[in-house]
Amino acid sequence: MLIRKIRVAFICAVVVLVFHSAYAQRVVIPFTPTYTEQEQKELRKQIMNGDTEAYHKYSRFLRRSPKNLPYALFMANNYHYPPAYFDVYWFTLVLYEDYKLAIDSTSYSFAFQYLLKGSEFGDPSCNSQLADIYYLGNRFVQQDTTKAKEYCTKEYNDDDTKEREWIRLKRAYQRALDAGKERY
């Protein structure tokens, strides 16, 4: 009787493992390149000439480092490169976070203006972040679900798709509100 139970448990375990491995998602860990000092210098030079590919390589290399802020500002201000507007916002917040400082209203306003400008240029990351900010509100921006819906659905043309996306995101936003976390 005991052997039969062990055999059944073993067969169940094998079946679960086979189905799990057959249907499991493959997780691809993106490769983070490492660059020599000379290669970094060359990337910075290319960025100053408006090379968006070099900007992406450099910003991925530095990841969340506020060292990328000057290059994001340069790409946004001089070349109106939409992803750089989001990066200015993000790296400004990261700068304060890295030094464990509370961001002041002037710095937040500076960063927030770049989000708005990036949204004007059609950057989806800016639209998504603005939808989050307006839906949840924070100490600098009043909660405004009308604006949140506008930014959340900005990239969709079909009314049904807009409504489905809004409902989906409202559920996610509500979970964040229930968690009581302040968002910037």
C-alpha atoms as a PDB file:
ATOM      1  CA  MET A   1       0.000   0.000   0.000  1.00  0.00           C
ATOM      2  CA  LEU A   2       2.816   2.409   0.914  1.00  0.00           C
ATOM      3  CA  ILE A   3       4.714   1.546  -2.271  1.00  0.00           C
ATOM      4  CA  ARG A   4       1.574   2.256  -4.333  1.00  0.00           C
ATOM      5  CA  LYS A   5       1.184   5.703  -2.699  1.00  0.00           C
ATOM      6  CA  ILE A   6       4.833   6.510  -3.381  1.00  0.00           C
ATOM      7  CA  ARG A   7       4.466   5.336  -7.003  1.00  0.00           C
ATOM      8  CA  VAL A   8       1.333   7.520  -7.502  1.00  0.00           C
ATOM      9  CA  ALA A   9       3.072  10.520  -5.912  1.00  0.00           C
ATOM     10  CA  PHE A  10       6.117   9.971  -8.141  1.00  0.00           C
ATOM     11  CA  ILE A  11       3.989   9.730 -11.305  1.00  0.00           C
ATOM     12  CA  CYS A  12       2.095  12.908 -10.329  1.00  0.00           C
ATOM     13  CA  ALA A  13       5.367  14.729  -9.725  1.00  0.00           C
ATOM     14  CA  VAL A  14       6.725  13.636 -13.129  1.00  0.00           C
ATOM     15  CA  VAL A  15       3.525  14.724 -14.901  1.00  0.00           C
ATOM     16  CA  VAL A  16       3.613  18.116 -13.176  1.00  0.00           C
ATOM     17  CA  LEU A  17       7.274  18.608 -14.075  1.00  0.00           C
ATOM     18  CA  VAL A  18       6.697  17.635 -17.714  1.00  0.00           C
ATOM     19  CA  PHE A  19       3.741  19.999 -18.121  1.00  0.00           C
ATOM     20  CA  HIS A  20       5.501  22.755 -16.214  1.00  0.00           C
ATOM     21  CA  SER A  21       8.618  22.559 -18.377  1.00  0.00           C
ATOM     22  CA  ALA A  22       6.557  22.376 -21.569  1.00  0.00           C
ATOM     23  CA  TYR A  23       4.491  25.464 -20.754  1.00  0.00           C
ATOM     24  CA  ALA A  24       6.881  27.472 -18.627  1.00  0.00           C
ATOM     25  CA  GLN A  25       7.823  30.884 -19.932  1.00  0.00           C
ATOM     26  CA  ARG A  26      11.369  31.373 -20.935  1.00  0.00           C
ATOM     27  CA  VAL A  27      12.895  34.274 -19.045  1.00  0.00           C
ATOM     28  CA  VAL A  28      15.487  36.139 -21.015  1.00  0.00           C
ATOM     29  CA  ILE A  29      17.822  38.206 -18.899  1.00  0.00           C
ATOM     30  CA  PRO A  30      18.982  41.160 -20.972  1.00  0.00           C
ATOM     31  CA  PHE A  31      22.696  41.462 -21.380  1.00  0.00           C
ATOM     32  CA  THR A  32      24.111  44.593 -19.806  1.00  0.00           C
ATOM     33  CA  PRO A  33      27.175  45.544 -21.771  1.00  0.00           C
ATOM     34  CA  THR A  34      30.331  46.753 -20.171  1.00  0.00           C
ATOM     35  CA  TYR A  35      32.269  49.462 -21.899  1.00  0.00           C
ATOM     36  CA  THR A  36      35.842  50.550 -21.464  1.00  0.00           C
ATOM     37  CA  GLU A  37      36.489  54.160 -20.500  1.00  0.00           C
ATOM     38  CA  GLN A  38      37.437  54.893 -24.113  1.00  0.00           C
ATOM     39  CA  GLU A  39      34.195  53.335 -25.427  1.00  0.00           C
ATOM     40  CA  GLN A  40      32.169  55.344 -22.901  1.00  0.00           C
ATOM     41  CA  LYS A  41      33.916  58.504 -24.033  1.00  0.00           C
ATOM     42  CA  GLU A  42      33.082  57.676 -27.657  1.00  0.00           C
ATOM     43  CA  LEU A  43      29.422  57.046 -26.761  1.00  0.00           C
ATOM     44  CA  ARG A  44      29.242  60.405 -24.970  1.00  0.00           C
ATOM     45  CA  LYS A  45      30.715  62.094 -28.036  1.00  0.00           C
ATOM     46  CA  GLN A  46      28.146  60.405 -30.280  1.00  0.00           C
ATOM     47  CA  ILE A  47      25.349  61.490 -27.934  1.00  0.00           C
ATOM     48  CA  MET A  48      26.506  65.083 -28.280  1.00  0.00           C
ATOM     49  CA  ASN A  49      25.989  64.641 -32.033  1.00  0.00           C
ATOM     50  CA  GLY A  50      22.416  63.438 -31.482  1.00  0.00           C
ATOM     51  CA  ASP A  51      23.008  59.706 -31.950  1.00  0.00           C
ATOM     52  CA  THR A  52      19.934  58.048 -30.397  1.00  0.00           C
ATOM     53  CA  GLU A  53      21.436  54.556 -30.565  1.00  0.00           C
ATOM     54  CA  ALA A  54      24.495  55.717 -28.622  1.00  0.00           C
ATOM     55  CA  TYR A  55      22.160  57.379 -26.102  1.00  0.00           C
ATOM     56  CA  HIS A  56      20.311  54.089 -25.557  1.00  0.00           C
ATOM     57  CA  LYS A  57      23.541  52.137 -25.178  1.00  0.00           C
ATOM     58  CA  TYR A  58      24.894  54.655 -22.696  1.00  0.00           C
ATOM     59  CA  SER A  59      21.688  54.911 -20.676  1.00  0.00           C
ATOM     60  CA  ARG A  60      21.384  51.110 -20.499  1.00  0.00           C
ATOM     61  CA  PHE A  61      25.010  50.896 -19.385  1.00  0.00           C
ATOM     62  CA  LEU A  62      24.432  53.345 -16.549  1.00  0.00           C
ATOM     63  CA  ARG A  63      20.929  52.024 -15.787  1.00  0.00           C
ATOM     64  CA  ARG A  64      19.443  53.968 -12.874  1.00  0.00           C
ATOM     65  CA  SER A  65      22.417  56.208 -12.413  1.00  0.00           C
ATOM     66  CA  PRO A  66      21.797  59.954 -12.235  1.00  0.00           C
ATOM     67  CA  LYS A  67      25.056  60.293 -14.192  1.00  0.00           C
ATOM     68  CA  ASN A  68      22.845  59.918 -17.264  1.00  0.00           C
ATOM     69  CA  LEU A  69      20.798  63.043 -16.409  1.00  0.00           C
ATOM     70  CA  PRO A  70      22.977  65.537 -18.340  1.00  0.00           C
ATOM     71  CA  TYR A  71      22.792  63.379 -21.470  1.00  0.00           C
ATOM     72  CA  ALA A  72      19.039  62.955 -21.129  1.00  0.00           C
ATOM     73  CA  LEU A  73      18.697  66.738 -20.796  1.00  0.00           C
ATOM     74  CA  PHE A  74      20.901  67.250 -23.833  1.00  0.00           C
ATOM     75  CA  MET A  75      18.948  64.789 -26.002  1.00  0.00           C
ATOM     76  CA  ALA A  76      15.607  66.216 -24.866  1.00  0.00           C
ATOM     77  CA  ASN A  77      16.486  69.894 -25.199  1.00  0.00           C
ATOM     78  CA  ASN A  78      18.600  69.816 -28.337  1.00  0.00           C
ATOM     79  CA  TYR A  79      17.132  66.918 -30.320  1.00  0.00           C
ATOM     80  CA  HIS A  80      13.614  66.646 -28.840  1.00  0.00           C
ATOM     81  CA  TYR A  81      14.114  62.918 -28.494  1.00  0.00           C
ATOM     82  CA  PRO A  82      10.902  61.640 -26.803  1.00  0.00           C
ATOM     83  CA  PRO A  83      12.385  58.874 -24.569  1.00  0.00           C
ATOM     84  CA  ALA A  84      14.900  61.373 -23.193  1.00  0.00           C
ATOM     85  CA  TYR A  85      12.051  63.440 -21.713  1.00  0.00           C
ATOM     86  CA  PHE A  86      10.994  60.482 -19.600  1.00  0.00           C
ATOM     87  CA  ASP A  87      14.617  59.867 -18.638  1.00  0.00           C
ATOM     88  CA  VAL A  88      14.992  63.461 -17.395  1.00  0.00           C
ATOM     89  CA  TYR A  89      12.006  62.890 -15.108  1.00  0.00           C
ATOM     90  CA  TRP A  90      13.241  59.485 -13.967  1.00  0.00           C
ATOM     91  CA  PHE A  91      16.869  60.412 -13.388  1.00  0.00           C
ATOM     92  CA  THR A  92      15.879  63.535 -11.462  1.00  0.00           C
ATOM     93  CA  LEU A  93      13.905  61.355  -9.044  1.00  0.00           C
ATOM     94  CA  VAL A  94      16.730  58.813  -8.906  1.00  0.00           C
ATOM     95  CA  LEU A  95      19.192  61.577  -8.008  1.00  0.00           C
ATOM     96  CA  TYR A  96      17.151  62.491  -4.934  1.00  0.00           C
ATOM     97  CA  GLU A  97      16.536  58.851  -4.078  1.00  0.00           C
ATOM     98  CA  ASP A  98      20.238  57.948  -4.279  1.00  0.00           C
ATOM     99  CA  TYR A  99      21.099  60.686  -1.785  1.00  0.00           C
ATOM    100  CA  LYS A 100      18.095  59.759   0.371  1.00  0.00           C
ATOM    101  CA  LEU A 101      16.636  63.239   0.039  1.00  0.00           C
ATOM    102  CA  ALA A 102      13.001  64.229  -0.221  1.00  0.00           C
ATOM    103  CA  ILE A 103      12.431  65.963  -3.535  1.00  0.00           C
ATOM    104  CA  ASP A 104      11.376  69.604  -3.280  1.00  0.00           C
ATOM    105  CA  SER A 105       8.503  71.147  -5.225  1.00  0.00           C
ATOM    106  CA  THR A 106      10.774  73.118  -7.589  1.00  0.00           C
ATOM    107  CA  SER A 107      12.769  70.042  -8.628  1.00  0.00           C
ATOM    108  CA  TYR A 108       9.616  67.976  -8.957  1.00  0.00           C
ATOM    109  CA  SER A 109       8.002  70.644 -11.102  1.00  0.00           C
ATOM    110  CA  PHE A 110      11.115  70.687 -13.303  1.00  0.00           C
ATOM    111  CA  ALA A 111      10.944  66.897 -13.773  1.00  0.00           C
ATOM    112  CA  PHE A 112       7.165  66.900 -14.234  1.00  0.00           C
ATOM    113  CA  GLN A 113       7.397  69.470 -17.049  1.00  0.00           C
ATOM    114  CA  TYR A 114       9.647  67.075 -18.940  1.00  0.00           C
ATOM    115  CA  LEU A 115       7.008  64.353 -18.584  1.00  0.00           C
ATOM    116  CA  LEU A 116       4.384  66.685 -20.034  1.00  0.00           C
ATOM    117  CA  LYS A 117       6.672  67.647 -22.912  1.00  0.00           C
ATOM    118  CA  GLY A 118       7.518  64.004 -23.617  1.00  0.00           C
ATOM    119  CA  SER A 119       3.814  63.248 -23.742  1.00  0.00           C
ATOM    120  CA  GLU A 120       3.361  66.016 -26.311  1.00  0.00           C
ATOM    121  CA  PHE A 121       5.985  64.258 -28.432  1.00  0.00           C
ATOM    122  CA  GLY A 122       4.092  60.965 -28.019  1.00  0.00           C
ATOM    123  CA  ASP A 123       6.374  59.032 -25.684  1.00  0.00           C
ATOM    124  CA  PRO A 124       4.359  56.110 -24.228  1.00  0.00           C
ATOM    125  CA  SER A 125       6.446  55.991 -21.026  1.00  0.00           C
ATOM    126  CA  CYS A 126       5.571  59.633 -20.327  1.00  0.00           C
ATOM    127  CA  ASN A 127       1.882  58.969 -20.967  1.00  0.00           C
ATOM    128  CA  SER A 128       1.900  55.960 -18.670  1.00  0.00           C
ATOM    129  CA  GLN A 129       3.698  57.812 -15.885  1.00  0.00           C
ATOM    130  CA  LEU A 130       1.371  60.809 -16.182  1.00  0.00           C
ATOM    131  CA  ALA A 131      -1.640  58.489 -15.987  1.00  0.00           C
ATOM    132  CA  ASP A 132      -0.188  56.972 -12.791  1.00  0.00           C
ATOM    133  CA  ILE A 133       0.500  60.366 -11.253  1.00  0.00           C
ATOM    134  CA  TYR A 134      -2.906  61.822 -12.057  1.00  0.00           C
ATOM    135  CA  TYR A 135      -4.805  58.730 -10.968  1.00  0.00           C
ATOM    136  CA  LEU A 136      -2.984  58.280  -7.678  1.00  0.00           C
ATOM    137  CA  GLY A 137      -2.052  61.891  -6.990  1.00  0.00           C
ATOM    138  CA  ASN A 138       0.888  62.850  -4.819  1.00  0.00           C
ATOM    139  CA  ARG A 139       1.946  65.753  -2.638  1.00  0.00           C
ATOM    140  CA  PHE A 140       2.716  67.889  -5.718  1.00  0.00           C
ATOM    141  CA  VAL A 141      -0.068  66.908  -8.135  1.00  0.00           C
ATOM    142  CA  GLN A 142      -3.757  66.670  -7.292  1.00  0.00           C
ATOM    143  CA  GLN A 143      -5.538  63.437  -8.107  1.00  0.00           C
ATOM    144  CA  ASP A 144      -7.470  63.889 -11.376  1.00  0.00           C
ATOM    145  CA  THR A 145      -9.017  60.768 -12.903  1.00  0.00           C
ATOM    146  CA  THR A 146     -10.132  62.658 -16.023  1.00  0.00           C
ATOM    147  CA  LYS A 147      -6.535  63.533 -16.879  1.00  0.00           C
ATOM    148  CA  ALA A 148      -5.420  60.047 -15.845  1.00  0.00           C
ATOM    149  CA  LYS A 149      -7.833  58.511 -18.357  1.00  0.00           C
ATOM    150  CA  GLU A 150      -6.701  60.960 -21.052  1.00  0.00           C
ATOM    151  CA  TYR A 151      -3.040  59.984 -20.665  1.00  0.00           C
ATOM    152  CA  CYS A 152      -3.781  56.302 -20.125  1.00  0.00           C
ATOM    153  CA  THR A 153      -5.703  56.006 -23.392  1.00  0.00           C
ATOM    154  CA  LYS A 154      -3.834  58.590 -25.466  1.00  0.00           C
ATOM    155  CA  GLU A 155      -2.183  56.094 -27.786  1.00  0.00           C
ATOM    156  CA  TYR A 156      -5.401  54.236 -28.684  1.00  0.00           C
ATOM    157  CA  ASN A 157      -7.798  55.289 -31.439  1.00  0.00           C
ATOM    158  CA  ASP A 158     -10.617  52.798 -30.895  1.00  0.00           C
ATOM    159  CA  ASP A 159     -13.125  53.733 -28.152  1.00  0.00           C
ATOM    160  CA  ASP A 160     -13.616  50.096 -27.072  1.00  0.00           C
ATOM    161  CA  THR A 161      -9.876  49.609 -26.708  1.00  0.00           C
ATOM    162  CA  LYS A 162      -9.604  52.856 -24.750  1.00  0.00           C
ATOM    163  CA  GLU A 163     -12.332  51.718 -22.367  1.00  0.00           C
ATOM    164  CA  ARG A 164     -10.821  48.233 -21.874  1.00  0.00           C
ATOM    165  CA  GLU A 165      -7.394  49.732 -21.194  1.00  0.00           C
ATOM    166  CA  TRP A 166      -8.845  52.243 -18.750  1.00  0.00           C
ATOM    167  CA  ILE A 167     -10.700  49.523 -16.814  1.00  0.00           C
ATOM    168  CA  ARG A 168      -7.584  47.336 -16.721  1.00  0.00           C
ATOM    169  CA  LEU A 169      -5.426  50.160 -15.455  1.00  0.00           C
ATOM    170  CA  LYS A 170      -8.000  51.325 -12.901  1.00  0.00           C
ATOM    171  CA  ARG A 171      -7.785  47.896 -11.289  1.00  0.00           C
ATOM    172  CA  ALA A 172      -3.997  48.146 -11.095  1.00  0.00           C
ATOM    173  CA  TYR A 173      -4.203  51.712  -9.791  1.00  0.00           C
ATOM    174  CA  GLN A 174      -6.712  50.676  -7.145  1.00  0.00           C
ATOM    175  CA  ARG A 175      -4.312  48.016  -5.868  1.00  0.00           C
ATOM    176  CA  ALA A 176      -1.642  50.718  -5.537  1.00  0.00           C
ATOM    177  CA  LEU A 177      -4.074  52.973  -3.669  1.00  0.00           C
ATOM    178  CA  ASP A 178      -5.033  50.112  -1.370  1.00  0.00           C
ATOM    179  CA  ALA A 179      -1.343  49.539  -0.640  1.00  0.00           C
ATOM    180  CA  GLY A 180      -1.103  53.191   0.444  1.00  0.00           C
ATOM    181  CA  LYS A 181       2.128  53.897  -1.383  1.00  0.00           C
ATOM    182  CA  GLU A 182       2.854  57.420  -2.527  1.00  0.00           C
ATOM    183  CA  ARG A 183       3.951  57.660  -6.135  1.00  0.00           C
ATOM    184  CA  TYR A 184       5.853  60.400  -7.906  1.00  0.00           C
END
